[in-house]
Amino acid sequence: MYIGVLTDAFIININAVGDRNGRVNATDSDRLVGVTEGLELLLDSYFGTIGASQLMNFLEMESIEASNTSLVVRLGIPTYTYLTFGINLVLSSLW
């Protein structure tokens, strides 16, 4: 069910990018931008959830210093990588 929700969100975002660019049918660049923005949104949501949980438990926690590092690796040509990721999402939602 979670994969189905993500797939719908990515498809809606890809169509929104196409609409924003004035196209009826989404192009490869629209798909790339739509998937990229969707992944950024997931990461933002993840960090927002962590921040909210820290605020909720503020009185029950000790103060500490921490750092967070995100490692990003570029694999191949982004268009093919994102399209492959999208196809895997769609196929996973069918199982």
PDB file of N, CA and C in Angstrom:
ATOM      1  N   MET A   1       0.822  -1.181   0.000  1.00  0.00           N
ATOM      2  CA  MET A   1       0.000   0.000   0.000  1.00  0.00           C
ATOM      3  C   MET A   1       0.880   1.264   0.000  1.00  0.00           C
ATOM      4  N   TYR A   2       1.982   1.225   0.767  1.00  0.00           N
ATOM      5  CA  TYR A   2       2.872   2.388   0.836  1.00  0.00           C
ATOM      6  C   TYR A   2       3.479   2.678  -0.527  1.00  0.00           C
ATOM      7  N   ILE A   3       3.872   1.623  -1.244  1.00  0.00           N
ATOM      8  CA  ILE A   3       4.457   1.813  -2.578  1.00  0.00           C
ATOM      9  C   ILE A   3       3.411   2.381  -3.529  1.00  0.00           C
ATOM     10  N   GLY A   4       2.168   1.932  -3.427  1.00  0.00           N
ATOM     11  CA  GLY A   4       1.110   2.454  -4.275  1.00  0.00           C
ATOM     12  C   GLY A   4       0.869   3.935  -4.048  1.00  0.00           C
ATOM     13  N   VAL A   5       0.932   4.356  -2.786  1.00  0.00           N
ATOM     14  CA  VAL A   5       0.749   5.774  -2.463  1.00  0.00           C
ATOM     15  C   VAL A   5       1.902   6.583  -3.047  1.00  0.00           C
ATOM     16  N   LEU A   6       3.131   6.080  -2.903  1.00  0.00           N
ATOM     17  CA  LEU A   6       4.286   6.780  -3.461  1.00  0.00           C
ATOM     18  C   LEU A   6       4.206   6.867  -4.977  1.00  0.00           C
ATOM     19  N   THR A   7       3.814   5.784  -5.615  1.00  0.00           N
ATOM     20  CA  THR A   7       3.708   5.780  -7.072  1.00  0.00           C
ATOM     21  C   THR A   7       2.692   6.810  -7.541  1.00  0.00           C
ATOM     22  N   ASP A   8       1.533   6.857  -6.892  1.00  0.00           N
ATOM     23  CA  ASP A   8       0.520   7.853  -7.245  1.00  0.00           C
ATOM     24  C   ASP A   8       1.060   9.270  -7.064  1.00  0.00           C
ATOM     25  N   ALA A   9       1.792   9.483  -5.972  1.00  0.00           N
ATOM     26  CA  ALA A   9       2.344  10.812  -5.719  1.00  0.00           C
ATOM     27  C   ALA A   9       3.357  11.199  -6.788  1.00  0.00           C
ATOM     28  N   PHE A  10       4.199  10.256  -7.194  1.00  0.00           N
ATOM     29  CA  PHE A  10       5.182  10.551  -8.243  1.00  0.00           C
ATOM     30  C   PHE A  10       4.490  10.846  -9.576  1.00  0.00           C
ATOM     31  N   ILE A  11       3.472  10.077  -9.913  1.00  0.00           N
ATOM     32  CA  ILE A  11       2.755  10.296 -11.175  1.00  0.00           C
ATOM     33  C   ILE A  11       2.059  11.655 -11.159  1.00  0.00           C
ATOM     34  N   ILE A  12       1.424  11.987 -10.051  1.00  0.00           N
ATOM     35  CA  ILE A  12       0.765  13.293  -9.933  1.00  0.00           C
ATOM     36  C   ILE A  12       1.783  14.415 -10.043  1.00  0.00           C
ATOM     37  N   ASN A  13       2.956  14.242  -9.410  1.00  0.00           N
ATOM     38  CA  ASN A  13       3.983  15.273  -9.460  1.00  0.00           C
ATOM     39  C   ASN A  13       4.551  15.417 -10.871  1.00  0.00           C
ATOM     40  N   ILE A  14       4.736  14.311 -11.576  1.00  0.00           N
ATOM     41  CA  ILE A  14       5.233  14.371 -12.959  1.00  0.00           C
ATOM     42  C   ILE A  14       4.233  15.106 -13.842  1.00  0.00           C
ATOM     43  N   ASN A  15       2.952  14.805 -13.673  1.00  0.00           N
ATOM     44  CA  ASN A  15       1.925  15.503 -14.459  1.00  0.00           C
ATOM     45  C   ASN A  15       1.861  16.983 -14.104  1.00  0.00           C
ATOM     46  N   ALA A  16       2.083  17.310 -12.821  1.00  0.00           N
ATOM     47  CA  ALA A  16       2.082  18.709 -12.403  1.00  0.00           C
ATOM     48  C   ALA A  16       3.251  19.461 -13.027  1.00  0.00           C
ATOM     49  N   VAL A  17       4.404  18.816 -13.133  1.00  0.00           N
ATOM     50  CA  VAL A  17       5.557  19.456 -13.778  1.00  0.00           C
ATOM     51  C   VAL A  17       5.255  19.702 -15.248  1.00  0.00           C
ATOM     52  N   GLY A  18       4.633  18.734 -15.921  1.00  0.00           N
ATOM     53  CA  GLY A  18       4.252  18.921 -17.317  1.00  0.00           C
ATOM     54  C   GLY A  18       3.265  20.057 -17.489  1.00  0.00           C
ATOM     55  N   ASP A  19       2.273  20.127 -16.596  1.00  0.00           N
ATOM     56  CA  ASP A  19       1.297  21.222 -16.643  1.00  0.00           C
ATOM     57  C   ASP A  19       1.964  22.568 -16.398  1.00  0.00           C
ATOM     58  N   ARG A  20       2.894  22.583 -15.447  1.00  0.00           N
ATOM     59  CA  ARG A  20       3.599  23.819 -15.114  1.00  0.00           C
ATOM     60  C   ARG A  20       4.410  24.322 -16.309  1.00  0.00           C
ATOM     61  N   ASN A  21       4.922  23.390 -17.109  1.00  0.00           N
ATOM     62  CA  ASN A  21       5.698  23.760 -18.290  1.00  0.00           C
ATOM     63  C   ASN A  21       4.826  23.932 -19.537  1.00  0.00           C
ATOM     64  N   GLY A  22       3.515  23.807 -19.383  1.00  0.00           N
ATOM     65  CA  GLY A  22       2.595  24.047 -20.489  1.00  0.00           C
ATOM     66  C   GLY A  22       2.494  22.899 -21.483  1.00  0.00           C
ATOM     67  N   ARG A  23       2.784  21.670 -21.031  1.00  0.00           N
ATOM     68  CA  ARG A  23       2.700  20.517 -21.921  1.00  0.00           C
ATOM     69  C   ARG A  23       1.561  19.606 -21.484  1.00  0.00           C
ATOM     70  N   VAL A  24       0.883  19.038 -22.466  1.00  0.00           N
ATOM     71  CA  VAL A  24      -0.205  18.107 -22.169  1.00  0.00           C
ATOM     72  C   VAL A  24       0.366  16.756 -21.761  1.00  0.00           C
ATOM     73  N   ASN A  25       1.349  16.269 -22.508  1.00  0.00           N
ATOM     74  CA  ASN A  25       2.005  14.998 -22.196  1.00  0.00           C
ATOM     75  C   ASN A  25       3.385  15.279 -21.615  1.00  0.00           C
ATOM     76  N   ALA A  26       3.713  14.579 -20.548  1.00  0.00           N
ATOM     77  CA  ALA A  26       5.004  14.787 -19.886  1.00  0.00           C
ATOM     78  C   ALA A  26       6.142  14.255 -20.750  1.00  0.00           C
ATOM     79  N   THR A  27       7.223  15.016 -20.812  1.00  0.00           N
ATOM     80  CA  THR A  27       8.423  14.593 -21.532  1.00  0.00           C
ATOM     81  C   THR A  27       9.381  13.914 -20.548  1.00  0.00           C
ATOM     82  N   ASP A  28      10.505  13.413 -21.077  1.00  0.00           N
ATOM     83  CA  ASP A  28      11.502  12.781 -20.213  1.00  0.00           C
ATOM     84  C   ASP A  28      12.049  13.762 -19.185  1.00  0.00           C
ATOM     85  N   SER A  29      12.251  15.004 -19.593  1.00  0.00           N
ATOM     86  CA  SER A  29      12.768  15.993 -18.645  1.00  0.00           C
ATOM     87  C   SER A  29      11.730  16.292 -17.561  1.00  0.00           C
ATOM     88  N   ASP A  30      10.438  16.296 -17.913  1.00  0.00           N
ATOM     89  CA  ASP A  30       9.383  16.480 -16.912  1.00  0.00           C
ATOM     90  C   ASP A  30       9.386  15.328 -15.913  1.00  0.00           C
ATOM     91  N   ARG A  31       9.574  14.105 -16.428  1.00  0.00           N
ATOM     92  CA  ARG A  31       9.614  12.940 -15.546  1.00  0.00           C
ATOM     93  C   ARG A  31      10.798  13.019 -14.600  1.00  0.00           C
ATOM     94  N   LEU A  32      11.938  13.421 -15.119  1.00  0.00           N
ATOM     95  CA  LEU A  32      13.135  13.542 -14.300  1.00  0.00           C
ATOM     96  C   LEU A  32      12.948  14.584 -13.196  1.00  0.00           C
ATOM     97  N   VAL A  33      12.412  15.741 -13.560  1.00  0.00           N
ATOM     98  CA  VAL A  33      12.184  16.799 -12.579  1.00  0.00           C
ATOM     99  C   VAL A  33      11.125  16.357 -11.567  1.00  0.00           C
ATOM    100  N   GLY A  34      10.068  15.710 -12.033  1.00  0.00           N
ATOM    101  CA  GLY A  34       9.007  15.255 -11.135  1.00  0.00           C
ATOM    102  C   GLY A  34       9.490  14.242 -10.117  1.00  0.00           C
ATOM    103  N   VAL A  35      10.288  13.276 -10.556  1.00  0.00           N
ATOM    104  CA  VAL A  35      10.813  12.272  -9.631  1.00  0.00           C
ATOM    105  C   VAL A  35      11.815  12.905  -8.669  1.00  0.00           C
ATOM    106  N   THR A  36      12.665  13.801  -9.191  1.00  0.00           N
ATOM    107  CA  THR A  36      13.642  14.473  -8.339  1.00  0.00           C
ATOM    108  C   THR A  36      12.956  15.290  -7.256  1.00  0.00           C
ATOM    109  N   GLU A  37      11.939  16.061  -7.629  1.00  0.00           N
ATOM    110  CA  GLU A  37      11.208  16.861  -6.645  1.00  0.00           C
ATOM    111  C   GLU A  37      10.489  15.961  -5.643  1.00  0.00           C
ATOM    112  N   GLY A  38       9.984  14.829  -6.101  1.00  0.00           N
ATOM    113  CA  GLY A  38       9.323  13.891  -5.192  1.00  0.00           C
ATOM    114  C   GLY A  38      10.285  13.315  -4.171  1.00  0.00           C
ATOM    115  N   LEU A  39      11.497  12.971  -4.613  1.00  0.00           N
ATOM    116  CA  LEU A  39      12.500  12.455  -3.683  1.00  0.00           C
ATOM    117  C   LEU A  39      12.939  13.527  -2.696  1.00  0.00           C
ATOM    118  N   GLU A  40      13.063  14.764  -3.169  1.00  0.00           N
ATOM    119  CA  GLU A  40      13.401  15.863  -2.256  1.00  0.00           C
ATOM    120  C   GLU A  40      12.303  16.046  -1.216  1.00  0.00           C
ATOM    121  N   LEU A  41      11.055  15.914  -1.633  1.00  0.00           N
ATOM    122  CA  LEU A  41       9.937  16.046  -0.703  1.00  0.00           C
ATOM    123  C   LEU A  41       9.967  14.948   0.351  1.00  0.00           C
ATOM    124  N   LEU A  42      10.295  13.713  -0.065  1.00  0.00           N
ATOM    125  CA  LEU A  42      10.388  12.629   0.909  1.00  0.00           C
ATOM    126  C   LEU A  42      11.476  12.902   1.941  1.00  0.00           C
ATOM    127  N   LEU A  43      12.617  13.402   1.466  1.00  0.00           N
ATOM    128  CA  LEU A  43      13.714  13.715   2.379  1.00  0.00           C
ATOM    129  C   LEU A  43      13.327  14.861   3.315  1.00  0.00           C
ATOM    130  N   ASP A  44      12.667  15.884   2.776  1.00  0.00           N
ATOM    131  CA  ASP A  44      12.204  16.995   3.616  1.00  0.00           C
ATOM    132  C   ASP A  44      11.209  16.514   4.670  1.00  0.00           C
ATOM    133  N   SER A  45      10.318  15.625   4.261  1.00  0.00           N
ATOM    134  CA  SER A  45       9.331  15.088   5.196  1.00  0.00           C
ATOM    135  C   SER A  45      10.025  14.287   6.300  1.00  0.00           C
ATOM    136  N   TYR A  46      11.042  13.519   5.922  1.00  0.00           N
ATOM    137  CA  TYR A  46      11.795  12.731   6.899  1.00  0.00           C
ATOM    138  C   TYR A  46      12.457  13.642   7.919  1.00  0.00           C
ATOM    139  N   PHE A  47      13.149  14.681   7.454  1.00  0.00           N
ATOM    140  CA  PHE A  47      13.813  15.598   8.372  1.00  0.00           C
ATOM    141  C   PHE A  47      12.799  16.378   9.216  1.00  0.00           C
ATOM    142  N   GLY A  48      11.662  16.725   8.633  1.00  0.00           N
ATOM    143  CA  GLY A  48      10.615  17.410   9.390  1.00  0.00           C
ATOM    144  C   GLY A  48      10.057  16.544  10.499  1.00  0.00           C
ATOM    145  N   THR A  49       9.900  15.247  10.230  1.00  0.00           N
ATOM    146  CA  THR A  49       9.400  14.318  11.240  1.00  0.00           C
ATOM    147  C   THR A  49      10.390  14.193  12.390  1.00  0.00           C
ATOM    148  N   ILE A  50      11.666  14.115  12.056  1.00  0.00           N
ATOM    149  CA  ILE A  50      12.690  14.027  13.095  1.00  0.00           C
ATOM    150  C   ILE A  50      12.678  15.297  13.950  1.00  0.00           C
ATOM    151  N   GLY A  51      12.586  16.448  13.291  1.00  0.00           N
ATOM    152  CA  GLY A  51      12.544  17.711  14.031  1.00  0.00           C
ATOM    153  C   GLY A  51      11.335  17.805  14.929  1.00  0.00           C
ATOM    154  N   ALA A  52      10.172  17.374  14.429  1.00  0.00           N
ATOM    155  CA  ALA A  52       8.953  17.424  15.237  1.00  0.00           C
ATOM    156  C   ALA A  52       9.045  16.501  16.442  1.00  0.00           C
ATOM    157  N   SER A  53       9.639  15.324  16.245  1.00  0.00           N
ATOM    158  CA  SER A  53       9.759  14.401  17.379  1.00  0.00           C
ATOM    159  C   SER A  53      10.723  14.954  18.423  1.00  0.00           C
ATOM    160  N   GLN A  54      11.741  15.672  17.984  1.00  0.00           N
ATOM    161  CA  GLN A  54      12.655  16.287  18.947  1.00  0.00           C
ATOM    162  C   GLN A  54      11.950  17.378  19.737  1.00  0.00           C
ATOM    163  N   LEU A  55      11.093  18.149  19.080  1.00  0.00           N
ATOM    164  CA  LEU A  55      10.351  19.190  19.798  1.00  0.00           C
ATOM    165  C   LEU A  55       9.357  18.590  20.780  1.00  0.00           C
ATOM    166  N   MET A  56       8.702  17.495  20.388  1.00  0.00           N
ATOM    167  CA  MET A  56       7.717  16.865  21.264  1.00  0.00           C
ATOM    168  C   MET A  56       8.372  16.301  22.521  1.00  0.00           C
ATOM    169  N   ASN A  57       9.590  15.817  22.390  1.00  0.00           N
ATOM    170  CA  ASN A  57      10.279  15.201  23.525  1.00  0.00           C
ATOM    171  C   ASN A  57      11.313  16.131  24.141  1.00  0.00           C
ATOM    172  N   PHE A  58      11.191  17.408  23.889  1.00  0.00           N
ATOM    173  CA  PHE A  58      12.204  18.370  24.326  1.00  0.00           C
ATOM    174  C   PHE A  58      12.438  18.326  25.831  1.00  0.00           C
ATOM    175  N   LEU A  59      11.368  18.267  26.607  1.00  0.00           N
ATOM    176  CA  LEU A  59      11.511  18.301  28.057  1.00  0.00           C
ATOM    177  C   LEU A  59      12.057  16.993  28.624  1.00  0.00           C
ATOM    178  N   GLU A  60      11.969  15.928  27.868  1.00  0.00           N
ATOM    179  CA  GLU A  60      12.422  14.633  28.352  1.00  0.00           C
ATOM    180  C   GLU A  60      13.816  14.276  27.840  1.00  0.00           C
ATOM    181  N   MET A  61      14.476  15.175  27.145  1.00  0.00           N
ATOM    182  CA  MET A  61      15.767  14.864  26.538  1.00  0.00           C
ATOM    183  C   MET A  61      16.881  15.691  27.147  1.00  0.00           C
ATOM    184  N   GLU A  62      18.087  15.197  26.991  1.00  0.00           N
ATOM    185  CA  GLU A  62      19.269  15.954  27.351  1.00  0.00           C
ATOM    186  C   GLU A  62      19.773  16.678  26.108  1.00  0.00           C
ATOM    187  N   SER A  63      20.466  17.769  26.312  1.00  0.00           N
ATOM    188  CA  SER A  63      21.058  18.478  25.191  1.00  0.00           C
ATOM    189  C   SER A  63      22.347  17.784  24.780  1.00  0.00           C
ATOM    190  N   ILE A  64      22.485  17.530  23.492  1.00  0.00           N
ATOM    191  CA  ILE A  64      23.705  16.939  22.956  1.00  0.00           C
ATOM    192  C   ILE A  64      24.032  17.634  21.644  1.00  0.00           C
ATOM    193  N   GLU A  65      25.260  17.483  21.220  1.00  0.00           N
ATOM    194  CA  GLU A  65      25.646  17.994  19.910  1.00  0.00           C
ATOM    195  C   GLU A  65      25.739  16.826  18.952  1.00  0.00           C
ATOM    196  N   ALA A  66      25.195  17.011  17.770  1.00  0.00           N
ATOM    197  CA  ALA A  66      25.215  15.950  16.772  1.00  0.00           C
ATOM    198  C   ALA A  66      25.325  16.575  15.393  1.00  0.00           C
ATOM    199  N   SER A  67      25.772  15.787  14.472  1.00  0.00           N
ATOM    200  CA  SER A  67      25.815  16.238  13.081  1.00  0.00           C
ATOM    201  C   SER A  67      25.242  15.141  12.203  1.00  0.00           C
ATOM    202  N   ASN A  68      24.697  15.550  11.094  1.00  0.00           N
ATOM    203  CA  ASN A  68      24.095  14.614  10.152  1.00  0.00           C
ATOM    204  C   ASN A  68      24.733  14.828   8.797  1.00  0.00           C
ATOM    205  N   THR A  69      25.212  13.752   8.192  1.00  0.00           N
ATOM    206  CA  THR A  69      25.825  13.837   6.883  1.00  0.00           C
ATOM    207  C   THR A  69      25.073  12.913   5.937  1.00  0.00           C
ATOM    208  N   SER A  70      24.710  13.438   4.793  1.00  0.00           N
ATOM    209  CA  SER A  70      24.045  12.627   3.777  1.00  0.00           C
ATOM    210  C   SER A  70      25.022  12.390   2.637  1.00  0.00           C
ATOM    211  N   LEU A  71      25.255  11.136   2.324  1.00  0.00           N
ATOM    212  CA  LEU A  71      26.157  10.780   1.233  1.00  0.00           C
ATOM    213  C   LEU A  71      25.324  10.561  -0.019  1.00  0.00           C
ATOM    214  N   VAL A  72      25.695  11.231  -1.081  1.00  0.00           N
ATOM    215  CA  VAL A  72      24.975  11.108  -2.338  1.00  0.00           C
ATOM    216  C   VAL A  72      25.943  10.579  -3.383  1.00  0.00           C
ATOM    217  N   VAL A  73      25.521   9.555  -4.104  1.00  0.00           N
ATOM    218  CA  VAL A  73      26.349   8.966  -5.146  1.00  0.00           C
ATOM    219  C   VAL A  73      25.574   9.048  -6.452  1.00  0.00           C
ATOM    220  N   ARG A  74      26.208   9.513  -7.482  1.00  0.00           N
ATOM    221  CA  ARG A  74      25.568   9.602  -8.790  1.00  0.00           C
ATOM    222  C   ARG A  74      25.886   8.331  -9.562  1.00  0.00           C
ATOM    223  N   LEU A  75      24.845   7.612  -9.919  1.00  0.00           N
ATOM    224  CA  LEU A  75      25.003   6.360 -10.646  1.00  0.00           C
ATOM    225  C   LEU A  75      24.495   6.529 -12.069  1.00  0.00           C
ATOM    226  N   GLY A  76      25.384   6.569 -13.017  1.00  0.00           N
ATOM    227  CA  GLY A  76      24.991   6.624 -14.415  1.00  0.00           C
ATOM    228  C   GLY A  76      24.362   7.944 -14.808  1.00  0.00           C
ATOM    229  N   ILE A  77      23.703   7.926 -15.942  1.00  0.00           N
ATOM    230  CA  ILE A  77      23.017   9.102 -16.454  1.00  0.00           C
ATOM    231  C   ILE A  77      21.718   9.263 -15.665  1.00  0.00           C
ATOM    232  N   PRO A  78      21.471  10.443 -15.090  1.00  0.00           N
ATOM    233  CA  PRO A  78      20.305  10.613 -14.216  1.00  0.00           C
ATOM    234  C   PRO A  78      18.978  10.227 -14.862  1.00  0.00           C
ATOM    235  N   THR A  79      18.799  10.512 -16.133  1.00  0.00           N
ATOM    236  CA  THR A  79      17.521  10.195 -16.779  1.00  0.00           C
ATOM    237  C   THR A  79      17.232   8.704 -16.704  1.00  0.00           C
ATOM    238  N   TYR A  80      18.202   7.892 -17.052  1.00  0.00           N
ATOM    239  CA  TYR A  80      17.995   6.451 -17.035  1.00  0.00           C
ATOM    240  C   TYR A  80      17.884   5.917 -15.607  1.00  0.00           C
ATOM    241  N   THR A  81      18.647   6.490 -14.705  1.00  0.00           N
ATOM    242  CA  THR A  81      18.598   6.050 -13.312  1.00  0.00           C
ATOM    243  C   THR A  81      17.222   6.326 -12.712  1.00  0.00           C
ATOM    244  N   TYR A  82      16.693   7.537 -12.918  1.00  0.00           N
ATOM    245  CA  TYR A  82      15.381   7.873 -12.359  1.00  0.00           C
ATOM    246  C   TYR A  82      14.257   7.101 -13.044  1.00  0.00           C
ATOM    247  N   LEU A  83      14.372   6.911 -14.344  1.00  0.00           N
ATOM    248  CA  LEU A  83      13.349   6.133 -15.037  1.00  0.00           C
ATOM    249  C   LEU A  83      13.354   4.683 -14.559  1.00  0.00           C
ATOM    250  N   THR A  84      14.547   4.119 -14.350  1.00  0.00           N
ATOM    251  CA  THR A  84      14.639   2.759 -13.828  1.00  0.00           C
ATOM    252  C   THR A  84      14.049   2.681 -12.433  1.00  0.00           C
ATOM    253  N   PHE A  85      14.331   3.686 -11.609  1.00  0.00           N
ATOM    254  CA  PHE A  85      13.751   3.739 -10.265  1.00  0.00           C
ATOM    255  C   PHE A  85      12.227   3.813 -10.348  1.00  0.00           C
ATOM    256  N   GLY A  86      11.718   4.647 -11.237  1.00  0.00           N
ATOM    257  CA  GLY A  86      10.272   4.773 -11.391  1.00  0.00           C
ATOM    258  C   GLY A  86       9.625   3.497 -11.873  1.00  0.00           C
ATOM    259  N   ILE A  87      10.264   2.837 -12.821  1.00  0.00           N
ATOM    260  CA  ILE A  87       9.735   1.556 -13.322  1.00  0.00           C
ATOM    261  C   ILE A  87       9.727   0.524 -12.204  1.00  0.00           C
ATOM    262  N   ASN A  88      10.793   0.502 -11.395  1.00  0.00           N
ATOM    263  CA  ASN A  88      10.832  -0.434 -10.261  1.00  0.00           C
ATOM    264  C   ASN A  88       9.719  -0.136  -9.263  1.00  0.00           C
ATOM    265  N   LEU A  89       9.421   1.142  -9.045  1.00  0.00           N
ATOM    266  CA  LEU A  89       8.312   1.483  -8.155  1.00  0.00           C
ATOM    267  C   LEU A  89       6.990   0.975  -8.689  1.00  0.00           C
ATOM    268  N   VAL A  90       6.796   1.166  -9.991  1.00  0.00           N
ATOM    269  CA  VAL A  90       5.539   0.722 -10.602  1.00  0.00           C
ATOM    270  C   VAL A  90       5.431  -0.791 -10.534  1.00  0.00           C
ATOM    271  N   LEU A  91       6.508  -1.495 -10.891  1.00  0.00           N
ATOM    272  CA  LEU A  91       6.472  -2.956 -10.845  1.00  0.00           C
ATOM    273  C   LEU A  91       6.298  -3.466  -9.423  1.00  0.00           C
ATOM    274  N   SER A  92       6.913  -2.808  -8.464  1.00  0.00           N
ATOM    275  CA  SER A  92       6.761  -3.220  -7.068  1.00  0.00           C
ATOM    276  C   SER A  92       5.334  -3.031  -6.578  1.00  0.00           C
ATOM    277  N   SER A  93       4.651  -2.002  -7.095  1.00  0.00           N
ATOM    278  CA  SER A  93       3.282  -1.755  -6.665  1.00  0.00           C
ATOM    279  C   SER A  93       2.314  -2.803  -7.223  1.00  0.00           C
ATOM    280  N   LEU A  94       2.720  -3.477  -8.300  1.00  0.00           N
ATOM    281  CA  LEU A  94       1.859  -4.509  -8.888  1.00  0.00           C
ATOM    282  C   LEU A  94       1.949  -5.827  -8.135  1.00  0.00           C
ATOM    283  N   TRP A  95       2.978  -6.021  -7.350  1.00  0.00           N
ATOM    284  CA  TRP A  95       3.150  -7.296  -6.619  1.00  0.00           C
ATOM    285  C   TRP A  95       2.288  -7.348  -5.458  1.00  0.00           C
TER     286      TRP A  95
END
